């Protein structure tokens, strides 16, 4: 990931040999985050069931952690279904539990990737 960030910052710089400003660095980091999601998250996404995807899409609406009760409501799942898919996605390292009743993406770039795909 570090190499990817450096590469994209270098590409974002207008004249990298003369230095890189904060704006160019931010642009490069943004491109690298999107690319990392394509590299690391998309292959996982391609293996997920429709219900797994619904669970993650329901999470992507939030800027940080998501209450599992919100996921149930948004995805139209019962509490038992939410528990099942929560466990599956944790075991696949797609999400992590942040505290009781809340989860978030293991990689924040996954949230951005899902939002961009919508």
C-alpha atoms as a PDB file:
ATOM      1  CA  UNK A   1       0.000   0.000   0.000  1.00  0.00           C
ATOM      2  CA  UNK A   2       2.841   2.390   0.812  1.00  0.00           C
ATOM      3  CA  UNK A   3       4.296   1.970  -2.660  1.00  0.00           C
ATOM      4  CA  UNK A   4       0.900   2.574  -4.228  1.00  0.00           C
ATOM      5  CA  UNK A   5       0.436   5.803  -2.264  1.00  0.00           C
ATOM      6  CA  UNK A   6       3.890   7.049  -3.219  1.00  0.00           C
ATOM      7  CA  UNK A   7       3.325   6.164  -6.855  1.00  0.00           C
ATOM      8  CA  UNK A   8      -0.006   7.983  -7.014  1.00  0.00           C
ATOM      9  CA  UNK A   9       1.338  11.075  -5.215  1.00  0.00           C
ATOM     10  CA  UNK A  10       4.222  11.194  -7.676  1.00  0.00           C
ATOM     11  CA  UNK A  11       1.758  10.927 -10.579  1.00  0.00           C
ATOM     12  CA  UNK A  12      -0.449  13.675  -9.105  1.00  0.00           C
ATOM     13  CA  UNK A  13       2.462  16.107  -8.825  1.00  0.00           C
ATOM     14  CA  UNK A  14       2.682  18.613 -11.657  1.00  0.00           C
ATOM     15  CA  UNK A  15       6.480  18.798 -11.483  1.00  0.00           C
ATOM     16  CA  UNK A  16       7.544  16.169  -8.924  1.00  0.00           C
ATOM     17  CA  UNK A  17      11.248  16.958  -9.235  1.00  0.00           C
ATOM     18  CA  UNK A  18      10.545  20.437  -7.828  1.00  0.00           C
ATOM     19  CA  UNK A  19       8.583  19.134  -4.847  1.00  0.00           C
ATOM     20  CA  UNK A  20       5.068  18.026  -4.087  1.00  0.00           C
ATOM     21  CA  UNK A  21       2.523  20.322  -2.464  1.00  0.00           C
ATOM     22  CA  UNK A  22      -0.199  19.314  -0.011  1.00  0.00           C
ATOM     23  CA  UNK A  23      -2.948  19.427  -2.630  1.00  0.00           C
ATOM     24  CA  UNK A  24      -1.043  17.109  -4.960  1.00  0.00           C
ATOM     25  CA  UNK A  25      -0.321  14.747  -2.072  1.00  0.00           C
ATOM     26  CA  UNK A  26      -4.011  14.684  -1.099  1.00  0.00           C
ATOM     27  CA  UNK A  27      -5.003  13.974  -4.708  1.00  0.00           C
ATOM     28  CA  UNK A  28      -2.511  11.117  -4.915  1.00  0.00           C
ATOM     29  CA  UNK A  29      -3.702   9.634  -1.626  1.00  0.00           C
ATOM     30  CA  UNK A  30      -7.324   9.741  -2.798  1.00  0.00           C
ATOM     31  CA  UNK A  31      -6.435   7.913  -6.019  1.00  0.00           C
ATOM     32  CA  UNK A  32      -4.422   5.330  -4.056  1.00  0.00           C
ATOM     33  CA  UNK A  33      -7.322   4.695  -1.669  1.00  0.00           C
ATOM     34  CA  UNK A  34      -9.667   4.008  -4.573  1.00  0.00           C
ATOM     35  CA  UNK A  35      -7.089   1.787  -6.238  1.00  0.00           C
ATOM     36  CA  UNK A  36      -6.472  -0.153  -3.024  1.00  0.00           C
ATOM     37  CA  UNK A  37     -10.165  -0.930  -2.755  1.00  0.00           C
ATOM     38  CA  UNK A  38     -10.106  -2.244  -6.330  1.00  0.00           C
ATOM     39  CA  UNK A  39      -7.067  -4.356  -5.512  1.00  0.00           C
ATOM     40  CA  UNK A  40      -8.086  -5.656  -2.082  1.00  0.00           C
ATOM     41  CA  UNK A  41     -11.862  -5.300  -1.702  1.00  0.00           C
ATOM     42  CA  UNK A  42     -13.264  -6.064  -5.159  1.00  0.00           C
ATOM     43  CA  UNK A  43     -11.948  -9.655  -5.222  1.00  0.00           C
ATOM     44  CA  UNK A  44     -13.703 -10.259  -1.894  1.00  0.00           C
ATOM     45  CA  UNK A  45     -16.876  -8.545  -3.161  1.00  0.00           C
ATOM     46  CA  UNK A  46     -16.934 -10.869  -6.155  1.00  0.00           C
ATOM     47  CA  UNK A  47     -17.136 -13.903  -3.834  1.00  0.00           C
ATOM     48  CA  UNK A  48     -19.960 -12.592  -1.628  1.00  0.00           C
ATOM     49  CA  UNK A  49     -23.595 -13.630  -1.720  1.00  0.00           C
ATOM     50  CA  UNK A  50     -26.343 -11.145  -2.475  1.00  0.00           C
ATOM     51  CA  UNK A  51     -27.257 -10.932   1.221  1.00  0.00           C
ATOM     52  CA  UNK A  52     -23.617 -10.321   2.191  1.00  0.00           C
ATOM     53  CA  UNK A  53     -23.562  -7.499  -0.347  1.00  0.00           C
ATOM     54  CA  UNK A  54     -26.836  -6.074   0.977  1.00  0.00           C
ATOM     55  CA  UNK A  55     -25.362  -6.055   4.479  1.00  0.00           C
ATOM     56  CA  UNK A  56     -22.263  -4.144   3.334  1.00  0.00           C
ATOM     57  CA  UNK A  57     -24.257  -1.757   1.173  1.00  0.00           C
ATOM     58  CA  UNK A  58     -26.433  -0.932   4.184  1.00  0.00           C
ATOM     59  CA  UNK A  59     -23.254  -0.177   6.151  1.00  0.00           C
ATOM     60  CA  UNK A  60     -21.795   2.048   3.433  1.00  0.00           C
ATOM     61  CA  UNK A  61     -24.388   4.753   4.153  1.00  0.00           C
ATOM     62  CA  UNK A  62     -22.644   5.632   7.406  1.00  0.00           C
ATOM     63  CA  UNK A  63     -19.396   7.546   7.713  1.00  0.00           C
ATOM     64  CA  UNK A  64     -18.054   5.384  10.531  1.00  0.00           C
ATOM     65  CA  UNK A  65     -19.461   2.494  12.548  1.00  0.00           C
ATOM     66  CA  UNK A  66     -22.960   1.182  11.903  1.00  0.00           C
ATOM     67  CA  UNK A  67     -25.488  -0.163  14.381  1.00  0.00           C
ATOM     68  CA  UNK A  68     -26.531  -3.692  13.469  1.00  0.00           C
ATOM     69  CA  UNK A  69     -30.131  -2.612  14.089  1.00  0.00           C
ATOM     70  CA  UNK A  70     -29.726  -0.055  11.262  1.00  0.00           C
ATOM     71  CA  UNK A  71     -28.332  -2.750   8.985  1.00  0.00           C
ATOM     72  CA  UNK A  72     -31.336  -4.969   9.737  1.00  0.00           C
ATOM     73  CA  UNK A  73     -33.754  -2.163   8.923  1.00  0.00           C
ATOM     74  CA  UNK A  74     -31.966  -0.989   5.764  1.00  0.00           C
ATOM     75  CA  UNK A  75     -31.320  -4.465   4.369  1.00  0.00           C
ATOM     76  CA  UNK A  76     -34.672  -5.913   5.390  1.00  0.00           C
ATOM     77  CA  UNK A  77     -33.098  -8.634   7.517  1.00  0.00           C
ATOM     78  CA  UNK A  78     -34.235 -10.278  10.725  1.00  0.00           C
ATOM     79  CA  UNK A  79     -31.966 -10.073  13.780  1.00  0.00           C
ATOM     80  CA  UNK A  80     -30.977 -13.723  13.215  1.00  0.00           C
ATOM     81  CA  UNK A  81     -30.049 -13.029   9.596  1.00  0.00           C
ATOM     82  CA  UNK A  82     -28.008  -9.981  10.610  1.00  0.00           C
ATOM     83  CA  UNK A  83     -26.161 -12.095  13.167  1.00  0.00           C
ATOM     84  CA  UNK A  84     -25.388 -14.753  10.557  1.00  0.00           C
ATOM     85  CA  UNK A  85     -24.098 -12.322   7.936  1.00  0.00           C
ATOM     86  CA  UNK A  86     -22.227 -10.282  10.545  1.00  0.00           C
ATOM     87  CA  UNK A  87     -20.331 -13.397  11.609  1.00  0.00           C
ATOM     88  CA  UNK A  88     -19.639 -14.415   8.014  1.00  0.00           C
ATOM     89  CA  UNK A  89     -18.295 -10.997   7.083  1.00  0.00           C
ATOM     90  CA  UNK A  90     -16.140 -10.793  10.201  1.00  0.00           C
ATOM     91  CA  UNK A  91     -14.646 -14.194   9.373  1.00  0.00           C
ATOM     92  CA  UNK A  92     -13.869 -12.932   5.850  1.00  0.00           C
ATOM     93  CA  UNK A  93     -12.143  -9.846   7.318  1.00  0.00           C
ATOM     94  CA  UNK A  94     -14.577  -7.541   5.523  1.00  0.00           C
ATOM     95  CA  UNK A  95     -15.847  -5.938   8.746  1.00  0.00           C
ATOM     96  CA  UNK A  96     -14.887  -5.660  12.402  1.00  0.00           C
ATOM     97  CA  UNK A  97     -16.944  -5.271  15.548  1.00  0.00           C
ATOM     98  CA  UNK A  98     -16.229  -1.897  17.139  1.00  0.00           C
ATOM     99  CA  UNK A  99     -18.343  -2.372  20.262  1.00  0.00           C
ATOM    100  CA  UNK A 100     -21.473  -4.247  21.253  1.00  0.00           C
ATOM    101  CA  UNK A 101     -24.054  -3.943  18.468  1.00  0.00           C
ATOM    102  CA  UNK A 102     -21.815  -1.988  16.072  1.00  0.00           C
ATOM    103  CA  UNK A 103     -19.574  -2.865  13.131  1.00  0.00           C
ATOM    104  CA  UNK A 104     -17.416  -1.012  10.644  1.00  0.00           C
ATOM    105  CA  UNK A 105     -15.443  -1.837   7.531  1.00  0.00           C
ATOM    106  CA  UNK A 106     -12.076  -3.471   8.154  1.00  0.00           C
ATOM    107  CA  UNK A 107     -10.695  -1.197   5.430  1.00  0.00           C
ATOM    108  CA  UNK A 108     -12.292   2.276   5.221  1.00  0.00           C
ATOM    109  CA  UNK A 109     -11.542   2.339   1.487  1.00  0.00           C
ATOM    110  CA  UNK A 110     -14.166  -0.392   1.054  1.00  0.00           C
ATOM    111  CA  UNK A 111     -16.877   2.054   2.161  1.00  0.00           C
ATOM    112  CA  UNK A 112     -15.709   4.614  -0.390  1.00  0.00           C
ATOM    113  CA  UNK A 113     -15.528   1.942  -3.087  1.00  0.00           C
ATOM    114  CA  UNK A 114     -19.112   0.839  -2.381  1.00  0.00           C
ATOM    115  CA  UNK A 115     -20.357   4.416  -2.441  1.00  0.00           C
ATOM    116  CA  UNK A 116     -18.652   5.019  -5.763  1.00  0.00           C
ATOM    117  CA  UNK A 117     -20.223   1.853  -7.185  1.00  0.00           C
ATOM    118  CA  UNK A 118     -23.750   2.967  -6.237  1.00  0.00           C
END
